[in-house]
Amino acid sequence: MLTVHYLVNSRAQRILWLLEELEVPYEIKKYERTPQQRAPPELLEISPLGKSPVITDGDVTLAESGAIVEYVIKKYGNGKGIPSESGSLDNLYFSHYAEGSLMPMLVQKVIFDMIPKNVPFFIRPIISAVLAQVTKVLIQPEIKKHLAMIESHLEKSKSIWFAGGEEPTSADYQMAFPLEALVKSAPELVGPKATEYVKVVHAREAYKRGLEKGGKYAYA
């Protein structure tokens, strides 16, 4: 049976949603974060980088969300999760854009937010002020630019999904995590279409089933 190595509050939630949509039998092995909010060392026993999600499927061990999504759809999809010919380019783009462009910027913001909490108290005001200015000048304008592009795409899409079809594709399984994180942490920056998109994802029965099995998740 396919096993999802599931780190709490991580991208692994998207894999549970995918597996529930495709009705693939699976089991979950859960891992709690360390006090520093990092993955525990036990994950190193599964994958050399110790990251989540990771799946094991027979003699296959596979990390990286995008690779897992493509592997699962190809092996277990039975025709589901495949974009139409007209939506294939959008699907390809957003499947890679999510981790290649959008997530690195969000991770940078999270790191900048965390640093002041982990420095000696007597320099905390200085560090906080510097990083707040960096975030304001460099990161927030980029986030706004990305969200404007996403909003424009969803406004033009033939459906709520990124590839414009009747069901989610790999682009959606990839894009849902950064968008739900943004809706949770900075809702004032997210446009109405992207906000609606996250609500639609969270309302799907397959997503709810994955959430129930995965448990604690900060972004739902």
N, C-alpha and C. Protein backbone atom coordinates (compact mmCIF):
# COMPACT_ATOMS: atom_id res chain seq x y z
N MET A 1 0.83 -1.20 0.00
CA MET A 1 0.00 0.00 0.00
C MET A 1 0.87 1.25 0.00
N LEU A 2 0.40 2.27 -0.69
CA LEU A 2 1.10 3.54 -0.75
C LEU A 2 1.06 4.19 0.64
N THR A 3 2.20 4.69 1.08
CA THR A 3 2.30 5.37 2.37
C THR A 3 2.71 6.82 2.16
N VAL A 4 1.98 7.72 2.81
CA VAL A 4 2.34 9.14 2.80
C VAL A 4 3.03 9.45 4.12
N HIS A 5 4.26 9.92 4.03
CA HIS A 5 5.00 10.35 5.21
C HIS A 5 4.65 11.83 5.42
N TYR A 6 3.80 12.04 6.42
CA TYR A 6 3.05 13.29 6.56
C TYR A 6 3.58 14.12 7.72
N LEU A 7 4.20 15.24 7.40
CA LEU A 7 4.63 16.20 8.40
C LEU A 7 3.50 17.18 8.65
N VAL A 8 3.16 17.37 9.93
CA VAL A 8 2.06 18.26 10.29
C VAL A 8 2.31 19.68 9.74
N ASN A 9 1.23 20.29 9.22
CA ASN A 9 1.28 21.65 8.65
C ASN A 9 2.32 21.77 7.54
N SER A 10 2.21 20.91 6.57
CA SER A 10 3.17 20.92 5.46
C SER A 10 2.45 20.72 4.13
N ARG A 11 3.23 20.71 3.08
CA ARG A 11 2.70 20.47 1.74
C ARG A 11 2.11 19.06 1.60
N ALA A 12 2.35 18.20 2.56
CA ALA A 12 1.83 16.83 2.47
C ALA A 12 0.31 16.79 2.41
N GLN A 13 -0.35 17.85 2.90
CA GLN A 13 -1.81 17.86 2.86
C GLN A 13 -2.32 17.78 1.42
N ARG A 14 -1.61 18.41 0.50
CA ARG A 14 -2.05 18.39 -0.91
C ARG A 14 -2.03 16.97 -1.46
N ILE A 15 -1.12 16.14 -0.96
CA ILE A 15 -1.04 14.76 -1.44
C ILE A 15 -2.24 13.96 -0.95
N LEU A 16 -2.67 14.20 0.28
CA LEU A 16 -3.87 13.52 0.78
C LEU A 16 -5.09 13.93 -0.04
N TRP A 17 -5.19 15.22 -0.37
CA TRP A 17 -6.31 15.66 -1.21
C TRP A 17 -6.29 14.94 -2.56
N LEU A 18 -5.13 14.88 -3.17
CA LEU A 18 -4.99 14.21 -4.46
C LEU A 18 -5.41 12.74 -4.37
N LEU A 19 -4.91 12.04 -3.37
CA LEU A 19 -5.21 10.62 -3.24
C LEU A 19 -6.70 10.39 -2.99
N GLU A 20 -7.32 11.28 -2.23
CA GLU A 20 -8.76 11.15 -1.99
C GLU A 20 -9.54 11.43 -3.26
N GLU A 21 -9.12 12.41 -4.05
CA GLU A 21 -9.80 12.70 -5.31
C GLU A 21 -9.75 11.49 -6.25
N LEU A 22 -8.60 10.84 -6.27
CA LEU A 22 -8.41 9.71 -7.18
C LEU A 22 -8.85 8.38 -6.58
N GLU A 23 -9.27 8.41 -5.31
CA GLU A 23 -9.73 7.22 -4.59
C GLU A 23 -8.65 6.13 -4.55
N VAL A 24 -7.43 6.56 -4.24
CA VAL A 24 -6.30 5.64 -4.13
C VAL A 24 -6.16 5.22 -2.67
N PRO A 25 -6.13 3.92 -2.39
CA PRO A 25 -5.91 3.48 -1.00
C PRO A 25 -4.51 3.90 -0.54
N TYR A 26 -4.43 4.34 0.70
CA TYR A 26 -3.13 4.76 1.23
C TYR A 26 -3.17 4.71 2.75
N GLU A 27 -2.00 4.78 3.34
CA GLU A 27 -1.90 4.93 4.78
C GLU A 27 -1.00 6.12 5.08
N ILE A 28 -1.11 6.64 6.29
CA ILE A 28 -0.37 7.83 6.68
C ILE A 28 0.57 7.50 7.84
N LYS A 29 1.80 7.95 7.73
CA LYS A 29 2.72 7.94 8.86
C LYS A 29 2.99 9.39 9.21
N LYS A 30 2.57 9.80 10.40
CA LYS A 30 2.64 11.20 10.79
C LYS A 30 3.94 11.52 11.53
N TYR A 31 4.39 12.75 11.33
CA TYR A 31 5.59 13.26 11.99
C TYR A 31 5.27 14.64 12.56
N GLU A 32 5.62 14.86 13.81
CA GLU A 32 5.43 16.16 14.44
C GLU A 32 6.65 17.04 14.20
N ARG A 33 6.44 18.33 14.14
CA ARG A 33 7.54 19.27 13.98
C ARG A 33 8.32 19.44 15.30
N THR A 34 9.57 19.80 15.18
CA THR A 34 10.39 20.10 16.35
C THR A 34 9.96 21.45 16.93
N PRO A 35 10.43 21.82 18.12
CA PRO A 35 10.11 23.15 18.66
C PRO A 35 10.55 24.29 17.74
N GLN A 36 11.54 24.03 16.89
CA GLN A 36 11.99 25.03 15.91
C GLN A 36 11.18 24.98 14.63
N GLN A 37 10.10 24.19 14.64
CA GLN A 37 9.19 24.05 13.49
C GLN A 37 9.84 23.37 12.30
N ARG A 38 10.86 22.57 12.56
CA ARG A 38 11.51 21.81 11.50
C ARG A 38 11.00 20.38 11.50
N ALA A 39 11.28 19.66 10.41
CA ALA A 39 10.94 18.24 10.35
C ALA A 39 11.82 17.46 11.33
N PRO A 40 11.29 16.43 11.94
CA PRO A 40 12.09 15.65 12.88
C PRO A 40 13.13 14.81 12.16
N PRO A 41 14.19 14.39 12.85
CA PRO A 41 15.25 13.60 12.20
C PRO A 41 14.78 12.25 11.68
N GLU A 42 13.65 11.77 12.18
CA GLU A 42 13.14 10.47 11.71
C GLU A 42 12.86 10.46 10.21
N LEU A 43 12.54 11.64 9.66
CA LEU A 43 12.28 11.69 8.22
C LEU A 43 13.53 11.42 7.40
N LEU A 44 14.70 11.63 8.00
CA LEU A 44 15.95 11.32 7.29
C LEU A 44 16.08 9.83 7.01
N GLU A 45 15.38 9.02 7.78
CA GLU A 45 15.42 7.58 7.55
C GLU A 45 14.64 7.21 6.30
N ILE A 46 13.76 8.09 5.87
CA ILE A 46 12.92 7.82 4.69
C ILE A 46 13.51 8.46 3.45
N SER A 47 13.96 9.71 3.59
CA SER A 47 14.50 10.46 2.46
C SER A 47 15.74 11.20 2.92
N PRO A 48 16.79 11.25 2.11
CA PRO A 48 18.07 11.82 2.57
C PRO A 48 18.01 13.29 2.95
N LEU A 49 17.02 14.04 2.46
CA LEU A 49 16.90 15.45 2.82
C LEU A 49 15.98 15.66 4.01
N GLY A 50 15.26 14.62 4.41
CA GLY A 50 14.40 14.72 5.57
C GLY A 50 13.25 15.69 5.42
N LYS A 51 12.68 15.77 4.21
CA LYS A 51 11.59 16.71 3.95
C LYS A 51 10.28 15.96 3.80
N SER A 52 9.18 16.69 3.82
CA SER A 52 7.86 16.13 3.60
C SER A 52 7.14 17.01 2.59
N PRO A 53 6.33 16.43 1.68
CA PRO A 53 5.91 15.04 1.67
C PRO A 53 6.93 14.10 1.03
N VAL A 54 6.82 12.86 1.46
CA VAL A 54 7.51 11.74 0.83
C VAL A 54 6.50 10.62 0.75
N ILE A 55 6.52 9.86 -0.32
CA ILE A 55 5.69 8.66 -0.38
C ILE A 55 6.58 7.45 -0.57
N THR A 56 6.11 6.33 -0.06
CA THR A 56 6.69 5.05 -0.40
C THR A 56 5.57 4.23 -1.03
N ASP A 57 5.90 3.60 -2.14
CA ASP A 57 4.92 2.83 -2.90
C ASP A 57 5.62 1.59 -3.42
N GLY A 58 5.52 0.49 -2.67
CA GLY A 58 6.31 -0.69 -3.01
C GLY A 58 7.78 -0.37 -2.81
N ASP A 59 8.56 -0.58 -3.87
CA ASP A 59 10.00 -0.29 -3.77
C ASP A 59 10.34 1.13 -4.21
N VAL A 60 9.31 1.96 -4.44
CA VAL A 60 9.52 3.35 -4.84
C VAL A 60 9.46 4.26 -3.61
N THR A 61 10.46 5.11 -3.45
CA THR A 61 10.43 6.19 -2.47
C THR A 61 10.61 7.49 -3.24
N LEU A 62 9.66 8.40 -3.07
CA LEU A 62 9.66 9.61 -3.89
C LEU A 62 9.34 10.83 -3.04
N ALA A 63 10.18 11.85 -3.15
CA ALA A 63 9.96 13.13 -2.49
C ALA A 63 9.62 14.18 -3.54
N GLU A 64 9.40 15.40 -3.08
CA GLU A 64 9.02 16.56 -3.90
C GLU A 64 7.55 16.48 -4.32
N SER A 65 6.80 17.48 -3.90
CA SER A 65 5.36 17.50 -4.17
C SER A 65 5.03 17.32 -5.65
N GLY A 66 5.70 18.11 -6.51
CA GLY A 66 5.39 18.05 -7.93
C GLY A 66 5.63 16.68 -8.52
N ALA A 67 6.74 16.06 -8.13
CA ALA A 67 7.05 14.72 -8.63
C ALA A 67 6.02 13.71 -8.14
N ILE A 68 5.62 13.83 -6.87
CA ILE A 68 4.63 12.91 -6.30
C ILE A 68 3.30 13.06 -7.02
N VAL A 69 2.87 14.30 -7.23
CA VAL A 69 1.60 14.56 -7.90
C VAL A 69 1.60 13.94 -9.30
N GLU A 70 2.67 14.17 -10.06
CA GLU A 70 2.74 13.61 -11.42
C GLU A 70 2.76 12.08 -11.38
N TYR A 71 3.52 11.52 -10.46
CA TYR A 71 3.62 10.06 -10.34
C TYR A 71 2.26 9.45 -10.02
N VAL A 72 1.55 10.02 -9.06
CA VAL A 72 0.27 9.46 -8.63
C VAL A 72 -0.77 9.58 -9.74
N ILE A 73 -0.85 10.74 -10.40
CA ILE A 73 -1.82 10.90 -11.49
C ILE A 73 -1.52 9.93 -12.62
N LYS A 74 -0.25 9.79 -12.96
CA LYS A 74 0.12 8.90 -14.06
C LYS A 74 -0.16 7.44 -13.73
N LYS A 75 0.15 7.03 -12.50
CA LYS A 75 0.01 5.62 -12.15
C LYS A 75 -1.41 5.24 -11.73
N TYR A 76 -2.09 6.15 -11.01
CA TYR A 76 -3.37 5.79 -10.40
C TYR A 76 -4.55 6.61 -10.89
N GLY A 77 -4.32 7.56 -11.78
CA GLY A 77 -5.38 8.49 -12.15
C GLY A 77 -6.50 7.90 -12.97
N ASN A 78 -6.22 6.89 -13.79
CA ASN A 78 -7.25 6.31 -14.66
C ASN A 78 -8.00 7.38 -15.45
N GLY A 79 -7.24 8.36 -15.95
CA GLY A 79 -7.85 9.40 -16.76
C GLY A 79 -8.27 10.64 -15.99
N LYS A 80 -8.29 10.56 -14.66
CA LYS A 80 -8.67 11.74 -13.87
C LYS A 80 -7.44 12.63 -13.65
N GLY A 81 -7.69 13.91 -13.46
CA GLY A 81 -6.60 14.84 -13.19
C GLY A 81 -5.79 15.24 -14.40
N ILE A 82 -6.27 14.87 -15.58
CA ILE A 82 -5.56 15.18 -16.83
C ILE A 82 -6.19 16.41 -17.47
N PRO A 83 -5.43 17.44 -17.79
CA PRO A 83 -6.02 18.63 -18.40
C PRO A 83 -6.44 18.38 -19.84
N SER A 84 -7.37 19.19 -20.31
CA SER A 84 -7.72 19.15 -21.72
C SER A 84 -6.55 19.69 -22.53
N GLU A 85 -6.60 19.47 -23.83
CA GLU A 85 -5.53 19.97 -24.69
C GLU A 85 -5.42 21.49 -24.58
N SER A 86 -6.57 22.17 -24.50
CA SER A 86 -6.55 23.63 -24.43
C SER A 86 -6.00 24.12 -23.09
N GLY A 87 -6.08 23.30 -22.05
CA GLY A 87 -5.60 23.72 -20.74
C GLY A 87 -4.24 23.16 -20.37
N SER A 88 -3.64 22.39 -21.27
CA SER A 88 -2.41 21.69 -20.92
C SER A 88 -1.24 22.65 -20.65
N LEU A 89 -1.17 23.75 -21.38
CA LEU A 89 -0.06 24.68 -21.17
C LEU A 89 -0.20 25.40 -19.83
N ASP A 90 -1.43 25.82 -19.50
CA ASP A 90 -1.65 26.44 -18.19
C ASP A 90 -1.34 25.45 -17.07
N ASN A 91 -1.74 24.22 -17.28
CA ASN A 91 -1.47 23.19 -16.27
C ASN A 91 0.03 23.00 -16.08
N LEU A 92 0.76 22.94 -17.17
CA LEU A 92 2.21 22.78 -17.10
C LEU A 92 2.84 23.96 -16.37
N TYR A 93 2.43 25.16 -16.75
CA TYR A 93 3.03 26.36 -16.16
C TYR A 93 2.79 26.43 -14.66
N PHE A 94 1.52 26.34 -14.23
CA PHE A 94 1.22 26.53 -12.82
C PHE A 94 1.66 25.35 -11.96
N SER A 95 1.80 24.17 -12.56
CA SER A 95 2.34 23.03 -11.81
C SER A 95 3.77 23.31 -11.37
N HIS A 96 4.52 24.03 -12.20
CA HIS A 96 5.93 24.32 -11.89
C HIS A 96 6.09 25.69 -11.23
N TYR A 97 5.24 26.63 -11.59
CA TYR A 97 5.30 27.97 -11.02
C TYR A 97 5.11 27.95 -9.50
N ALA A 98 4.22 27.09 -9.02
CA ALA A 98 3.88 27.07 -7.60
C ALA A 98 5.11 26.92 -6.72
N GLU A 99 5.97 25.96 -7.05
CA GLU A 99 7.17 25.73 -6.25
C GLU A 99 8.38 26.49 -6.78
N GLY A 100 8.39 26.76 -8.07
CA GLY A 100 9.56 27.41 -8.66
C GLY A 100 9.63 28.90 -8.42
N SER A 101 8.47 29.58 -8.34
CA SER A 101 8.46 31.04 -8.20
C SER A 101 7.70 31.52 -6.97
N LEU A 102 6.51 30.97 -6.73
CA LEU A 102 5.66 31.49 -5.67
C LEU A 102 6.13 31.07 -4.29
N MET A 103 6.38 29.79 -4.08
CA MET A 103 6.73 29.31 -2.74
C MET A 103 8.06 29.86 -2.22
N PRO A 104 9.12 29.98 -3.03
CA PRO A 104 10.36 30.54 -2.48
C PRO A 104 10.18 31.93 -1.87
N MET A 105 9.33 32.73 -2.51
CA MET A 105 9.07 34.06 -1.99
C MET A 105 8.31 34.00 -0.66
N LEU A 106 7.35 33.09 -0.56
CA LEU A 106 6.59 32.96 0.68
C LEU A 106 7.45 32.41 1.80
N VAL A 107 8.32 31.47 1.47
CA VAL A 107 9.23 30.92 2.48
C VAL A 107 10.15 32.01 3.00
N GLN A 108 10.62 32.86 2.10
CA GLN A 108 11.47 33.97 2.50
C GLN A 108 10.75 34.88 3.49
N LYS A 109 9.48 35.16 3.22
CA LYS A 109 8.68 35.99 4.13
C LYS A 109 8.55 35.31 5.50
N VAL A 110 8.29 34.01 5.50
CA VAL A 110 8.15 33.28 6.76
C VAL A 110 9.44 33.34 7.57
N ILE A 111 10.57 33.16 6.89
CA ILE A 111 11.87 33.20 7.57
C ILE A 111 12.12 34.57 8.17
N PHE A 112 11.82 35.62 7.41
CA PHE A 112 12.01 36.98 7.92
C PHE A 112 11.11 37.24 9.12
N ASP A 113 9.91 36.65 9.12
CA ASP A 113 9.01 36.81 10.26
C ASP A 113 9.50 36.05 11.49
N MET A 114 10.20 34.93 11.26
CA MET A 114 10.65 34.09 12.37
C MET A 114 11.94 34.58 13.02
N ILE A 115 12.82 35.20 12.23
CA ILE A 115 14.15 35.56 12.75
C ILE A 115 14.07 36.42 14.00
N PRO A 116 13.26 37.48 14.05
CA PRO A 116 13.25 38.32 15.26
C PRO A 116 12.87 37.56 16.53
N LYS A 117 12.08 36.51 16.39
CA LYS A 117 11.66 35.73 17.56
C LYS A 117 12.76 34.83 18.08
N ASN A 118 13.84 34.70 17.33
CA ASN A 118 14.89 33.76 17.69
C ASN A 118 16.25 34.42 17.86
N VAL A 119 16.26 35.72 18.10
CA VAL A 119 17.51 36.43 18.36
C VAL A 119 17.47 36.96 19.79
N PRO A 120 18.62 37.27 20.37
CA PRO A 120 18.65 37.83 21.73
C PRO A 120 17.75 39.05 21.84
N PHE A 121 17.08 39.17 22.97
CA PHE A 121 16.05 40.21 23.13
C PHE A 121 16.59 41.62 22.97
N PHE A 122 17.87 41.82 23.32
CA PHE A 122 18.40 43.19 23.29
C PHE A 122 18.67 43.69 21.88
N ILE A 123 18.75 42.79 20.89
CA ILE A 123 18.89 43.25 19.51
C ILE A 123 17.62 43.03 18.70
N ARG A 124 16.61 42.45 19.36
CA ARG A 124 15.36 42.13 18.66
C ARG A 124 14.70 43.34 18.02
N PRO A 125 14.61 44.49 18.69
CA PRO A 125 13.97 45.66 18.04
C PRO A 125 14.68 46.10 16.77
N ILE A 126 16.01 46.04 16.77
CA ILE A 126 16.76 46.45 15.58
C ILE A 126 16.53 45.48 14.44
N ILE A 127 16.66 44.18 14.74
CA ILE A 127 16.45 43.15 13.71
C ILE A 127 15.03 43.21 13.17
N SER A 128 14.06 43.38 14.06
CA SER A 128 12.66 43.45 13.64
C SER A 128 12.43 44.63 12.70
N ALA A 129 13.01 45.77 13.04
CA ALA A 129 12.82 46.96 12.21
C ALA A 129 13.45 46.79 10.83
N VAL A 130 14.66 46.22 10.80
CA VAL A 130 15.35 46.02 9.53
C VAL A 130 14.57 45.06 8.64
N LEU A 131 14.17 43.92 9.20
CA LEU A 131 13.48 42.91 8.39
C LEU A 131 12.08 43.37 7.99
N ALA A 132 11.43 44.14 8.83
CA ALA A 132 10.12 44.69 8.46
C ALA A 132 10.26 45.62 7.25
N GLN A 133 11.33 46.40 7.23
CA GLN A 133 11.55 47.29 6.10
C GLN A 133 11.88 46.51 4.83
N VAL A 134 12.71 45.48 4.98
CA VAL A 134 13.04 44.63 3.82
C VAL A 134 11.78 43.99 3.27
N THR A 135 10.94 43.49 4.17
CA THR A 135 9.68 42.86 3.73
C THR A 135 8.80 43.86 3.01
N LYS A 136 8.72 45.07 3.56
CA LYS A 136 7.87 46.10 2.96
C LYS A 136 8.37 46.53 1.58
N VAL A 137 9.68 46.68 1.46
CA VAL A 137 10.25 47.22 0.22
C VAL A 137 10.45 46.15 -0.85
N LEU A 138 10.86 44.95 -0.44
CA LEU A 138 11.24 43.93 -1.42
C LEU A 138 10.23 42.79 -1.58
N ILE A 139 9.71 42.29 -0.47
CA ILE A 139 8.91 41.07 -0.55
C ILE A 139 7.45 41.36 -0.84
N GLN A 140 6.84 42.28 -0.09
CA GLN A 140 5.42 42.55 -0.30
C GLN A 140 5.08 42.99 -1.73
N PRO A 141 5.87 43.88 -2.34
CA PRO A 141 5.56 44.25 -3.73
C PRO A 141 5.60 43.04 -4.67
N GLU A 142 6.54 42.11 -4.43
CA GLU A 142 6.61 40.92 -5.27
C GLU A 142 5.40 40.02 -5.05
N ILE A 143 5.00 39.86 -3.79
CA ILE A 143 3.82 39.05 -3.51
C ILE A 143 2.60 39.65 -4.20
N LYS A 144 2.45 40.96 -4.13
CA LYS A 144 1.31 41.62 -4.78
C LYS A 144 1.34 41.41 -6.29
N LYS A 145 2.53 41.46 -6.87
CA LYS A 145 2.65 41.25 -8.32
C LYS A 145 2.23 39.83 -8.70
N HIS A 146 2.68 38.85 -7.91
CA HIS A 146 2.31 37.47 -8.18
C HIS A 146 0.80 37.26 -8.01
N LEU A 147 0.25 37.82 -6.95
CA LEU A 147 -1.19 37.63 -6.71
C LEU A 147 -2.03 38.32 -7.78
N ALA A 148 -1.55 39.42 -8.32
CA ALA A 148 -2.27 40.07 -9.42
C ALA A 148 -2.28 39.20 -10.66
N MET A 149 -1.14 38.54 -10.94
CA MET A 149 -1.08 37.64 -12.09
C MET A 149 -2.01 36.45 -11.89
N ILE A 150 -2.02 35.88 -10.69
CA ILE A 150 -2.90 34.75 -10.39
C ILE A 150 -4.37 35.16 -10.51
N GLU A 151 -4.69 36.32 -9.97
CA GLU A 151 -6.07 36.81 -10.03
C GLU A 151 -6.52 36.99 -11.48
N SER A 152 -5.64 37.55 -12.30
CA SER A 152 -5.96 37.76 -13.71
C SER A 152 -6.21 36.43 -14.41
N HIS A 153 -5.38 35.44 -14.10
CA HIS A 153 -5.56 34.13 -14.73
C HIS A 153 -6.89 33.51 -14.34
N LEU A 154 -7.20 33.54 -13.04
CA LEU A 154 -8.45 32.92 -12.59
C LEU A 154 -9.67 33.65 -13.15
N GLU A 155 -9.57 34.95 -13.34
CA GLU A 155 -10.68 35.70 -13.94
C GLU A 155 -10.94 35.25 -15.36
N LYS A 156 -9.88 34.87 -16.08
CA LYS A 156 -10.03 34.47 -17.49
C LYS A 156 -10.26 32.97 -17.65
N SER A 157 -10.07 32.20 -16.61
CA SER A 157 -10.21 30.75 -16.71
C SER A 157 -11.65 30.36 -17.02
N LYS A 158 -11.81 29.27 -17.75
CA LYS A 158 -13.14 28.78 -18.11
C LYS A 158 -13.85 28.14 -16.92
N SER A 159 -13.12 27.87 -15.87
CA SER A 159 -13.71 27.29 -14.66
C SER A 159 -12.92 27.81 -13.46
N ILE A 160 -13.23 27.32 -12.30
CA ILE A 160 -12.50 27.73 -11.10
C ILE A 160 -11.09 27.18 -11.09
N TRP A 161 -10.81 26.13 -11.88
CA TRP A 161 -9.52 25.45 -11.84
C TRP A 161 -8.50 26.10 -12.76
N PHE A 162 -7.23 25.93 -12.42
CA PHE A 162 -6.17 26.64 -13.14
C PHE A 162 -6.05 26.20 -14.59
N ALA A 163 -6.36 24.95 -14.91
CA ALA A 163 -6.29 24.50 -16.30
C ALA A 163 -7.61 24.68 -17.02
N GLY A 164 -8.62 25.24 -16.33
CA GLY A 164 -9.88 25.57 -17.00
C GLY A 164 -10.81 24.42 -17.24
N GLY A 165 -10.54 23.27 -16.63
CA GLY A 165 -11.39 22.10 -16.84
C GLY A 165 -12.45 21.95 -15.77
N GLU A 166 -13.07 20.76 -15.75
CA GLU A 166 -14.16 20.50 -14.82
C GLU A 166 -13.68 19.90 -13.51
N GLU A 167 -12.40 19.55 -13.42
CA GLU A 167 -11.87 18.95 -12.20
C GLU A 167 -10.44 19.44 -11.97
N PRO A 168 -9.96 19.32 -10.74
CA PRO A 168 -8.59 19.77 -10.47
C PRO A 168 -7.56 18.92 -11.20
N THR A 169 -6.45 19.56 -11.55
CA THR A 169 -5.33 18.88 -12.19
C THR A 169 -4.09 19.13 -11.34
N SER A 170 -2.94 18.71 -11.82
CA SER A 170 -1.72 18.87 -11.04
C SER A 170 -1.47 20.33 -10.66
N ALA A 171 -1.85 21.26 -11.53
CA ALA A 171 -1.68 22.68 -11.22
C ALA A 171 -2.40 23.07 -9.94
N ASP A 172 -3.59 22.51 -9.74
CA ASP A 172 -4.37 22.85 -8.55
C ASP A 172 -3.79 22.22 -7.29
N TYR A 173 -3.35 20.98 -7.40
CA TYR A 173 -2.75 20.35 -6.23
C TYR A 173 -1.48 21.09 -5.80
N GLN A 174 -0.81 21.70 -6.77
CA GLN A 174 0.39 22.47 -6.45
C GLN A 174 0.06 23.89 -5.95
N MET A 175 -0.91 24.52 -6.56
CA MET A 175 -1.21 25.92 -6.24
C MET A 175 -2.03 26.09 -4.97
N ALA A 176 -2.76 25.08 -4.56
CA ALA A 176 -3.65 25.23 -3.41
C ALA A 176 -2.90 25.60 -2.15
N PHE A 177 -1.75 24.95 -1.90
CA PHE A 177 -1.03 25.19 -0.65
C PHE A 177 -0.56 26.64 -0.50
N PRO A 178 0.15 27.22 -1.45
CA PRO A 178 0.57 28.61 -1.26
C PRO A 178 -0.60 29.58 -1.16
N LEU A 179 -1.68 29.30 -1.90
CA LEU A 179 -2.82 30.21 -1.85
C LEU A 179 -3.56 30.12 -0.52
N GLU A 180 -3.73 28.91 0.01
CA GLU A 180 -4.41 28.83 1.29
C GLU A 180 -3.54 29.40 2.40
N ALA A 181 -2.21 29.28 2.27
CA ALA A 181 -1.31 29.90 3.25
C ALA A 181 -1.42 31.42 3.20
N LEU A 182 -1.53 31.99 2.00
CA LEU A 182 -1.67 33.44 1.86
C LEU A 182 -3.02 33.94 2.38
N VAL A 183 -4.08 33.18 2.08
CA VAL A 183 -5.40 33.56 2.58
C VAL A 183 -5.41 33.55 4.10
N LYS A 184 -4.68 32.62 4.68
CA LYS A 184 -4.62 32.53 6.14
C LYS A 184 -3.77 33.64 6.75
N SER A 185 -2.62 33.93 6.14
CA SER A 185 -1.66 34.84 6.77
C SER A 185 -1.78 36.29 6.31
N ALA A 186 -2.26 36.51 5.07
CA ALA A 186 -2.35 37.88 4.55
C ALA A 186 -3.58 38.02 3.66
N PRO A 187 -4.77 37.82 4.22
CA PRO A 187 -6.00 37.85 3.39
C PRO A 187 -6.22 39.17 2.68
N GLU A 188 -5.68 40.26 3.25
CA GLU A 188 -5.88 41.56 2.64
C GLU A 188 -5.16 41.71 1.30
N LEU A 189 -4.20 40.82 1.03
CA LEU A 189 -3.45 40.87 -0.22
C LEU A 189 -4.07 40.01 -1.32
N VAL A 190 -4.95 39.10 -0.93
CA VAL A 190 -5.46 38.10 -1.87
C VAL A 190 -6.75 38.60 -2.51
N GLY A 191 -6.81 38.48 -3.84
CA GLY A 191 -7.98 38.94 -4.58
C GLY A 191 -9.18 38.04 -4.41
N PRO A 192 -10.36 38.50 -4.86
CA PRO A 192 -11.60 37.73 -4.67
C PRO A 192 -11.61 36.39 -5.38
N LYS A 193 -11.03 36.31 -6.57
CA LYS A 193 -11.02 35.04 -7.29
C LYS A 193 -10.15 34.00 -6.59
N ALA A 194 -8.98 34.41 -6.12
CA ALA A 194 -8.10 33.49 -5.42
C ALA A 194 -8.70 33.08 -4.09
N THR A 195 -9.37 34.00 -3.42
CA THR A 195 -10.06 33.68 -2.17
C THR A 195 -11.17 32.67 -2.40
N GLU A 196 -11.94 32.89 -3.47
CA GLU A 196 -13.00 31.95 -3.82
C GLU A 196 -12.41 30.58 -4.16
N TYR A 197 -11.28 30.59 -4.86
CA TYR A 197 -10.62 29.35 -5.24
C TYR A 197 -10.31 28.50 -4.01
N VAL A 198 -9.73 29.12 -2.99
CA VAL A 198 -9.39 28.38 -1.78
C VAL A 198 -10.65 27.84 -1.10
N LYS A 199 -11.72 28.62 -1.09
CA LYS A 199 -12.97 28.16 -0.50
C LYS A 199 -13.52 26.95 -1.23
N VAL A 200 -13.42 26.97 -2.56
CA VAL A 200 -13.89 25.84 -3.36
C VAL A 200 -13.07 24.59 -3.06
N VAL A 201 -11.75 24.75 -2.97
CA VAL A 201 -10.89 23.61 -2.64
C VAL A 201 -11.27 23.03 -1.28
N HIS A 202 -11.42 23.89 -0.29
CA HIS A 202 -11.73 23.43 1.06
C HIS A 202 -13.11 22.80 1.17
N ALA A 203 -14.01 23.15 0.24
CA ALA A 203 -15.37 22.61 0.28
C ALA A 203 -15.48 21.24 -0.38
N ARG A 204 -14.46 20.82 -1.10
CA ARG A 204 -14.55 19.53 -1.79
C ARG A 204 -14.52 18.39 -0.77
N GLU A 205 -15.36 17.38 -1.02
CA GLU A 205 -15.45 16.26 -0.10
C GLU A 205 -14.13 15.52 0.01
N ALA A 206 -13.41 15.41 -1.11
CA ALA A 206 -12.12 14.72 -1.09
C ALA A 206 -11.13 15.47 -0.21
N TYR A 207 -11.16 16.80 -0.27
CA TYR A 207 -10.26 17.60 0.58
C TYR A 207 -10.62 17.40 2.04
N LYS A 208 -11.91 17.40 2.35
CA LYS A 208 -12.35 17.21 3.73
C LYS A 208 -11.93 15.85 4.27
N ARG A 209 -12.03 14.83 3.43
CA ARG A 209 -11.63 13.49 3.88
C ARG A 209 -10.13 13.45 4.17
N GLY A 210 -9.34 14.07 3.28
CA GLY A 210 -7.90 14.12 3.51
C GLY A 210 -7.55 14.89 4.77
N LEU A 211 -8.28 15.96 5.02
CA LEU A 211 -8.05 16.78 6.21
C LEU A 211 -8.39 15.98 7.47
N GLU A 212 -9.48 15.24 7.41
CA GLU A 212 -9.86 14.43 8.57
C GLU A 212 -8.81 13.37 8.88
N LYS A 213 -8.26 12.76 7.84
CA LYS A 213 -7.25 11.72 8.06
C LYS A 213 -5.91 12.30 8.47
N GLY A 214 -5.55 13.47 7.91
CA GLY A 214 -4.28 14.09 8.22
C GLY A 214 -4.26 14.74 9.59
N GLY A 215 -5.42 15.27 10.00
CA GLY A 215 -5.50 15.90 11.32
C GLY A 215 -5.08 17.35 11.29
N LYS A 216 -4.45 17.77 12.36
CA LYS A 216 -4.10 19.18 12.58
C LYS A 216 -3.44 19.81 11.35
N TYR A 217 -4.02 20.94 10.90
CA TYR A 217 -3.51 21.61 9.70
C TYR A 217 -3.84 23.09 9.81
N ALA A 218 -2.83 23.93 9.79
CA ALA A 218 -3.00 25.35 10.13
C ALA A 218 -3.72 26.16 9.05
N TYR A 219 -3.79 25.66 7.81
CA TYR A 219 -4.22 26.52 6.71
C TYR A 219 -5.62 26.22 6.21
N ALA A 220 -6.33 25.31 6.86
CA ALA A 220 -7.70 25.00 6.43
C ALA A 220 -8.69 25.80 7.25
